[in-house]
């Protein structure tokens, strides 16, 4: 479904008469809406009880919401407008106002860029959201994270086919190879953690990432990457780009769940962020799976911790 030809979204469950059972699960970089449904499946999930109305809004640029791949001719491809975390969250708020009786979410939760959007919700609409969960995410894209993104972007843009309007097969393969090397920890590769994912070798895992990225639209990848790289919850009127002030404005109970071995959104950065939120709590995931540890349904042990945090935040909200 589309809201105003902008935000694609999926819904399960029904908004109750009090309007206090809405859970919002924004998508992550490159993730389709169906990926977030893993958090709502199985007996362990508090979201599978039927007590909640689950809204999964897709990130601008992901190919489901407005994106370079599906925009009108004037905004297609490289002409697609720059979009921010705040743009995404404002559009989600408009969607909720139009289709969900302007309900205030009892929980906004996300992984990676989804977690960045959750924190943006808290700063942009502190009076609207009742709890927040940011998994493997920080309030802004810190310098080393941005430098990593420069690397994957350069790998893709080095393929001349991208500029000429062709299909940058070599660039997408290079993008995937750089990306996968940062997605997990050093120990994951050294100790053969990829075997837990069903891959017999590191090369098989890399080949899987290459195949997956060859299905992606390169301009979609770059649009989302730009949103990530410039991401800062303070990049909106009222905060003067002061990330600390934006964090301090968040009044909702908030749990940050960085992974100890995440090379993108480091545990150190996330812990420093959450310490500036009055009702903030940091629960570090101890895993060798790096950034991928927090992905919805990706690593069972980490997923169990995320679902427990959801359960704790929801309490008796519905």
Protein backbone atom coordinates (compact mmCIF):
# COMPACT_ATOMS: atom_id res chain seq x y z
CA UNK A 1 0.00 0.00 0.00
CA UNK A 2 1.04 3.61 -0.49
CA UNK A 3 0.20 6.70 1.54
CA UNK A 4 0.09 9.76 -0.67
CA UNK A 5 2.34 7.91 -3.14
CA UNK A 6 5.19 8.39 -0.67
CA UNK A 7 5.38 5.89 2.19
CA UNK A 8 4.86 2.20 1.55
CA UNK A 9 3.73 0.36 4.64
CA UNK A 10 2.40 -2.94 5.90
CA UNK A 11 0.01 -3.48 8.78
CA UNK A 12 -0.98 -6.42 10.92
CA UNK A 13 -3.41 -6.34 13.82
CA UNK A 14 -5.99 -3.68 14.59
CA UNK A 15 -5.78 -0.35 16.33
CA UNK A 16 -7.83 -0.56 19.53
CA UNK A 17 -10.50 1.94 20.55
CA UNK A 18 -8.10 3.70 22.92
CA UNK A 19 -5.52 4.05 20.15
CA UNK A 20 -2.73 2.98 22.50
CA UNK A 21 -1.52 -0.27 20.92
CA UNK A 22 0.31 1.02 17.83
CA UNK A 23 3.85 -0.30 17.36
CA UNK A 24 5.99 1.23 14.60
CA UNK A 25 8.91 -0.74 13.13
CA UNK A 26 10.79 1.41 10.56
CA UNK A 27 12.90 -0.50 8.04
CA UNK A 28 16.70 -0.54 7.82
CA UNK A 29 19.22 0.12 5.05
CA UNK A 30 18.31 -1.99 2.03
CA UNK A 31 15.67 -3.86 4.02
CA UNK A 32 12.21 -4.62 2.68
CA UNK A 33 9.19 -4.41 4.95
CA UNK A 34 8.95 -8.19 5.19
CA UNK A 35 12.31 -8.33 7.01
CA UNK A 36 10.89 -6.61 10.10
CA UNK A 37 8.10 -9.15 10.40
CA UNK A 38 10.67 -11.53 11.92
CA UNK A 39 10.31 -9.53 15.17
CA UNK A 40 6.58 -10.28 15.24
CA UNK A 41 6.71 -14.02 14.65
CA UNK A 42 6.85 -16.92 17.09
CA UNK A 43 5.75 -17.43 20.67
CA UNK A 44 8.76 -15.56 22.05
CA UNK A 45 7.72 -12.28 20.49
CA UNK A 46 5.48 -9.94 22.49
CA UNK A 47 4.29 -8.63 19.12
CA UNK A 48 2.76 -11.98 18.12
CA UNK A 49 0.13 -11.87 20.85
CA UNK A 50 -2.48 -10.12 18.72
CA UNK A 51 -2.62 -7.26 21.24
CA UNK A 52 -0.82 -4.78 19.00
CA UNK A 53 -1.37 -3.00 15.72
CA UNK A 54 1.97 -3.30 13.91
CA UNK A 55 2.92 -0.68 11.36
CA UNK A 56 6.04 -1.23 9.24
CA UNK A 57 6.85 1.89 7.18
CA UNK A 58 9.47 1.57 4.45
CA UNK A 59 12.47 3.88 4.28
CA UNK A 60 12.56 6.39 1.44
CA UNK A 61 14.88 4.95 -1.21
CA UNK A 62 14.34 1.28 -0.40
CA UNK A 63 12.37 0.58 -3.59
CA UNK A 64 9.02 0.27 -1.80
CA UNK A 65 8.49 3.84 -0.61
CA UNK A 66 9.35 6.67 -3.01
CA UNK A 67 12.78 5.84 -4.44
CA UNK A 68 15.06 6.57 -7.40
CA UNK A 69 13.79 3.33 -8.96
CA UNK A 70 10.08 4.20 -8.85
CA UNK A 71 9.96 8.01 -8.85
CA UNK A 72 8.49 10.11 -11.63
CA UNK A 73 10.83 10.87 -14.54
CA UNK A 74 11.87 14.24 -13.12
CA UNK A 75 13.05 12.66 -9.86
CA UNK A 76 14.22 9.23 -11.00
CA UNK A 77 17.75 7.92 -10.68
CA UNK A 78 20.35 10.55 -9.82
CA UNK A 79 17.65 13.27 -9.72
CA UNK A 80 16.01 11.77 -6.64
CA UNK A 81 15.78 14.38 -3.86
CA UNK A 82 17.95 14.09 -0.76
CA UNK A 83 15.94 12.72 2.16
CA UNK A 84 16.75 12.83 5.87
CA UNK A 85 15.84 10.81 8.93
CA UNK A 86 13.46 13.62 9.89
CA UNK A 87 11.82 13.50 6.43
CA UNK A 88 11.10 9.81 6.97
CA UNK A 89 9.71 10.28 10.46
CA UNK A 90 7.55 13.27 9.50
CA UNK A 91 6.07 11.22 6.66
CA UNK A 92 5.39 8.35 9.07
CA UNK A 93 3.63 10.76 11.43
CA UNK A 94 1.49 12.04 8.55
CA UNK A 95 0.63 8.46 7.65
CA UNK A 96 -0.44 7.72 11.22
CA UNK A 97 -2.52 10.89 11.36
CA UNK A 98 -4.27 10.00 8.11
CA UNK A 99 -4.76 6.25 8.50
CA UNK A 100 -4.45 5.47 12.22
CA UNK A 101 -6.48 8.20 13.89
CA UNK A 102 -3.30 10.08 14.82
CA UNK A 103 -2.47 7.44 17.45
CA UNK A 104 0.64 7.90 19.57
CA UNK A 105 2.92 4.86 19.14
CA UNK A 106 3.41 2.84 22.31
CA UNK A 107 6.73 1.67 20.85
CA UNK A 108 8.95 2.68 17.95
CA UNK A 109 11.69 0.10 17.42
CA UNK A 110 14.27 -0.49 14.73
CA UNK A 111 17.63 -1.95 13.81
CA UNK A 112 20.43 0.05 12.20
CA UNK A 113 18.82 2.91 10.22
CA UNK A 114 15.51 1.75 11.70
CA UNK A 115 16.97 2.45 15.13
CA UNK A 116 18.16 5.87 13.99
CA UNK A 117 14.56 6.59 12.96
CA UNK A 118 13.31 5.42 16.36
CA UNK A 119 15.57 7.96 18.10
CA UNK A 120 14.47 10.61 15.60
CA UNK A 121 10.86 9.91 16.61
CA UNK A 122 11.79 10.60 20.23
CA UNK A 123 13.42 13.94 19.44
CA UNK A 124 10.90 15.10 16.85
CA UNK A 125 7.72 14.04 18.65
CA UNK A 126 8.58 13.57 22.35
CA UNK A 127 4.95 14.06 23.34
CA UNK A 128 3.69 11.41 20.91
CA UNK A 129 5.79 8.26 21.47
CA UNK A 130 5.74 6.26 24.72
CA UNK A 131 8.85 4.07 24.34
CA UNK A 132 11.81 3.62 22.02
CA UNK A 133 14.18 0.80 21.11
CA UNK A 134 17.30 1.42 19.01
CA UNK A 135 19.16 -1.78 18.08
CA UNK A 136 22.69 -1.41 16.68
CA UNK A 137 22.10 2.29 16.03
CA UNK A 138 23.28 5.69 17.17
CA UNK A 139 21.75 9.16 17.16
CA UNK A 140 23.99 10.29 14.33
CA UNK A 141 26.40 8.84 11.82
CA UNK A 142 29.72 9.33 13.58
CA UNK A 143 32.90 10.12 11.58
CA UNK A 144 34.34 6.61 11.24
CA UNK A 145 30.94 5.24 10.21
CA UNK A 146 30.74 7.98 7.57
CA UNK A 147 34.23 7.08 6.34
CA UNK A 148 33.17 3.44 5.92
CA UNK A 149 30.20 4.62 3.85
CA UNK A 150 32.54 6.68 1.67
CA UNK A 151 34.37 3.43 0.93
CA UNK A 152 31.36 1.45 -0.24
CA UNK A 153 30.09 4.45 -2.22
CA UNK A 154 33.45 4.86 -3.96
CA UNK A 155 33.49 1.16 -4.84
CA UNK A 156 30.13 1.47 -6.59
CA UNK A 157 30.83 4.80 -8.27
CA UNK A 158 34.15 3.55 -9.67
CA UNK A 159 32.20 1.46 -12.16
CA UNK A 160 31.85 3.63 -15.31
CA UNK A 161 28.58 1.88 -16.15
CA UNK A 162 26.88 3.78 -13.31
CA UNK A 163 27.59 7.19 -14.83
CA UNK A 164 26.73 6.07 -18.35
CA UNK A 165 23.31 4.77 -17.33
CA UNK A 166 24.20 1.10 -17.66
CA UNK A 167 24.06 -1.65 -15.05
CA UNK A 168 27.14 -1.39 -12.77
CA UNK A 169 27.65 -5.11 -12.15
CA UNK A 170 31.28 -4.72 -11.17
CA UNK A 171 30.50 -1.77 -8.91
CA UNK A 172 27.73 -3.64 -7.12
CA UNK A 173 30.01 -6.63 -6.56
CA UNK A 174 32.71 -4.34 -5.18
CA UNK A 175 30.15 -2.58 -2.99
CA UNK A 176 29.07 -5.93 -1.54
CA UNK A 177 32.65 -7.07 -0.88
CA UNK A 178 33.50 -3.91 1.04
CA UNK A 179 30.19 -3.99 2.90
CA UNK A 180 30.40 -7.63 4.08
CA UNK A 181 33.90 -7.11 5.48
CA UNK A 182 32.50 -4.56 7.93
CA UNK A 183 29.14 -6.19 8.65
CA UNK A 184 30.57 -8.80 11.02
CA UNK A 185 33.41 -8.78 13.52
CA UNK A 186 37.01 -9.85 12.97
CA UNK A 187 36.46 -12.84 15.27
CA UNK A 188 33.42 -13.90 13.24
CA UNK A 189 35.63 -14.43 10.21
CA UNK A 190 38.61 -15.82 12.13
CA UNK A 191 36.53 -18.43 13.96
CA UNK A 192 34.32 -19.36 11.03
CA UNK A 193 31.12 -17.81 12.35
CA UNK A 194 29.71 -17.91 8.83
CA UNK A 195 29.14 -21.67 9.29
CA UNK A 196 26.30 -20.85 11.71
CA UNK A 197 24.63 -19.13 8.76
CA UNK A 198 24.95 -22.19 6.55
CA UNK A 199 28.05 -21.14 4.57
CA UNK A 200 30.97 -23.53 4.28
CA UNK A 201 33.54 -20.83 3.66
CA UNK A 202 34.11 -17.11 3.84
CA UNK A 203 34.11 -17.04 0.05
CA UNK A 204 30.61 -18.57 -0.02
CA UNK A 205 29.34 -15.85 2.31
CA UNK A 206 30.89 -13.13 0.16
CA UNK A 207 29.38 -14.67 -2.98
CA UNK A 208 25.97 -14.58 -1.30
CA UNK A 209 26.35 -10.88 -0.52
CA UNK A 210 27.41 -10.20 -4.11
CA UNK A 211 24.39 -12.04 -5.51
CA UNK A 212 22.09 -10.17 -3.14
CA UNK A 213 23.49 -6.77 -4.15
CA UNK A 214 23.23 -7.57 -7.86
CA UNK A 215 19.45 -7.55 -7.31
CA UNK A 216 19.56 -4.01 -5.90
CA UNK A 217 19.04 -0.76 -7.75
CA UNK A 218 22.34 1.16 -7.43
CA UNK A 219 20.63 4.55 -7.20
CA UNK A 220 18.42 3.26 -4.37
CA UNK A 221 21.53 2.13 -2.52
CA UNK A 222 23.14 5.54 -2.92
CA UNK A 223 20.01 7.43 -1.86
CA UNK A 224 19.67 5.43 1.35
CA UNK A 225 23.41 5.67 1.95
CA UNK A 226 23.17 9.45 1.77
CA UNK A 227 20.35 9.46 4.34
CA UNK A 228 22.50 7.28 6.61
CA UNK A 229 25.71 9.23 6.12
CA UNK A 230 24.15 12.62 6.88
CA UNK A 231 21.99 11.14 9.64
CA UNK A 232 21.77 13.19 12.83
CA UNK A 233 18.63 13.51 14.95
CA UNK A 234 19.62 17.14 15.65
CA UNK A 235 19.64 18.08 11.94
CA UNK A 236 16.31 19.88 12.17
CA UNK A 237 15.05 23.25 13.46
CA UNK A 238 15.28 23.80 17.19
CA UNK A 239 18.54 22.04 18.00
CA UNK A 240 21.20 23.93 16.06
CA UNK A 241 22.72 20.56 15.08
CA UNK A 242 23.46 19.89 18.77
CA UNK A 243 23.07 16.10 18.98
CA UNK A 244 23.34 16.15 22.77
CA UNK A 245 20.49 18.63 23.05
CA UNK A 246 18.34 16.49 20.76
CA UNK A 247 19.06 13.41 22.85
CA UNK A 248 18.26 15.30 26.05
CA UNK A 249 14.87 16.24 24.60
CA UNK A 250 13.80 12.59 24.44
CA UNK A 251 11.47 11.93 27.36
CA UNK A 252 10.27 8.41 26.56
CA UNK A 253 11.82 5.33 28.18
CA UNK A 254 14.50 4.30 25.69
CA UNK A 255 16.67 1.22 25.39
CA UNK A 256 19.78 1.19 23.19
CA UNK A 257 21.11 -2.24 22.23
CA UNK A 258 24.49 -1.90 20.51
CA UNK A 259 26.53 -4.97 19.72
CA UNK A 260 29.95 -5.07 21.36
CA UNK A 261 31.62 -5.97 18.05
CA UNK A 262 29.63 -3.67 15.73
CA UNK A 263 32.03 -1.81 13.43
CA UNK A 264 29.41 0.65 12.12
CA UNK A 265 27.46 1.90 15.15
CA UNK A 266 29.92 1.20 17.94
CA UNK A 267 28.91 0.25 21.47
CA UNK A 268 30.96 3.17 22.77
CA UNK A 269 29.07 5.69 20.64
CA UNK A 270 25.68 4.19 21.48
CA UNK A 271 26.42 4.13 25.21
CA UNK A 272 27.45 7.78 25.11
CA UNK A 273 24.24 8.65 23.26
CA UNK A 274 21.88 6.81 25.60
CA UNK A 275 23.53 8.34 28.69
CA UNK A 276 22.13 11.71 27.55
CA UNK A 277 18.52 10.47 27.60
CA UNK A 278 16.84 10.87 30.98
CA UNK A 279 15.10 7.50 30.85
CA UNK A 280 17.75 5.80 28.76
CA UNK A 281 19.23 2.36 29.31
CA UNK A 282 22.06 0.63 27.45
CA UNK A 283 21.98 -3.15 27.03
CA UNK A 284 25.04 -4.30 25.12
CA UNK A 285 24.68 -7.40 22.94
CA UNK A 286 27.69 -9.67 23.40
CA UNK A 287 28.08 -11.32 20.01
CA UNK A 288 30.70 -11.95 17.32
CA UNK A 289 28.12 -11.20 14.62
CA UNK A 290 28.94 -7.50 14.65
CA UNK A 291 26.32 -5.20 13.19
CA UNK A 292 24.33 -8.15 11.88
CA UNK A 293 23.71 -9.46 15.40
CA UNK A 294 20.80 -7.07 15.81
CA UNK A 295 19.07 -7.81 12.52
CA UNK A 296 15.45 -8.97 12.90
CA UNK A 297 15.52 -12.72 13.35
CA UNK A 298 19.13 -12.94 12.21
CA UNK A 299 20.95 -14.44 15.19
CA UNK A 300 18.62 -16.31 17.61
CA UNK A 301 20.45 -15.38 20.83
CA UNK A 302 20.57 -11.69 19.98
CA UNK A 303 16.97 -11.71 18.74
CA UNK A 304 15.86 -13.13 22.09
CA UNK A 305 17.50 -10.18 23.85
CA UNK A 306 15.80 -7.70 21.52
CA UNK A 307 12.39 -9.31 22.06
CA UNK A 308 12.90 -9.16 25.84
CA UNK A 309 13.67 -5.45 25.58
CA UNK A 310 10.45 -4.96 23.61
CA UNK A 311 8.55 -6.87 26.27
CA UNK A 312 10.05 -4.71 29.00
CA UNK A 313 9.22 -1.48 27.20
CA UNK A 314 5.69 -2.47 26.30
CA UNK A 315 4.78 -3.64 29.77
CA UNK A 316 1.06 -3.08 30.07
CA UNK A 317 0.84 -0.49 27.31
CA UNK A 318 -1.85 -2.28 25.31
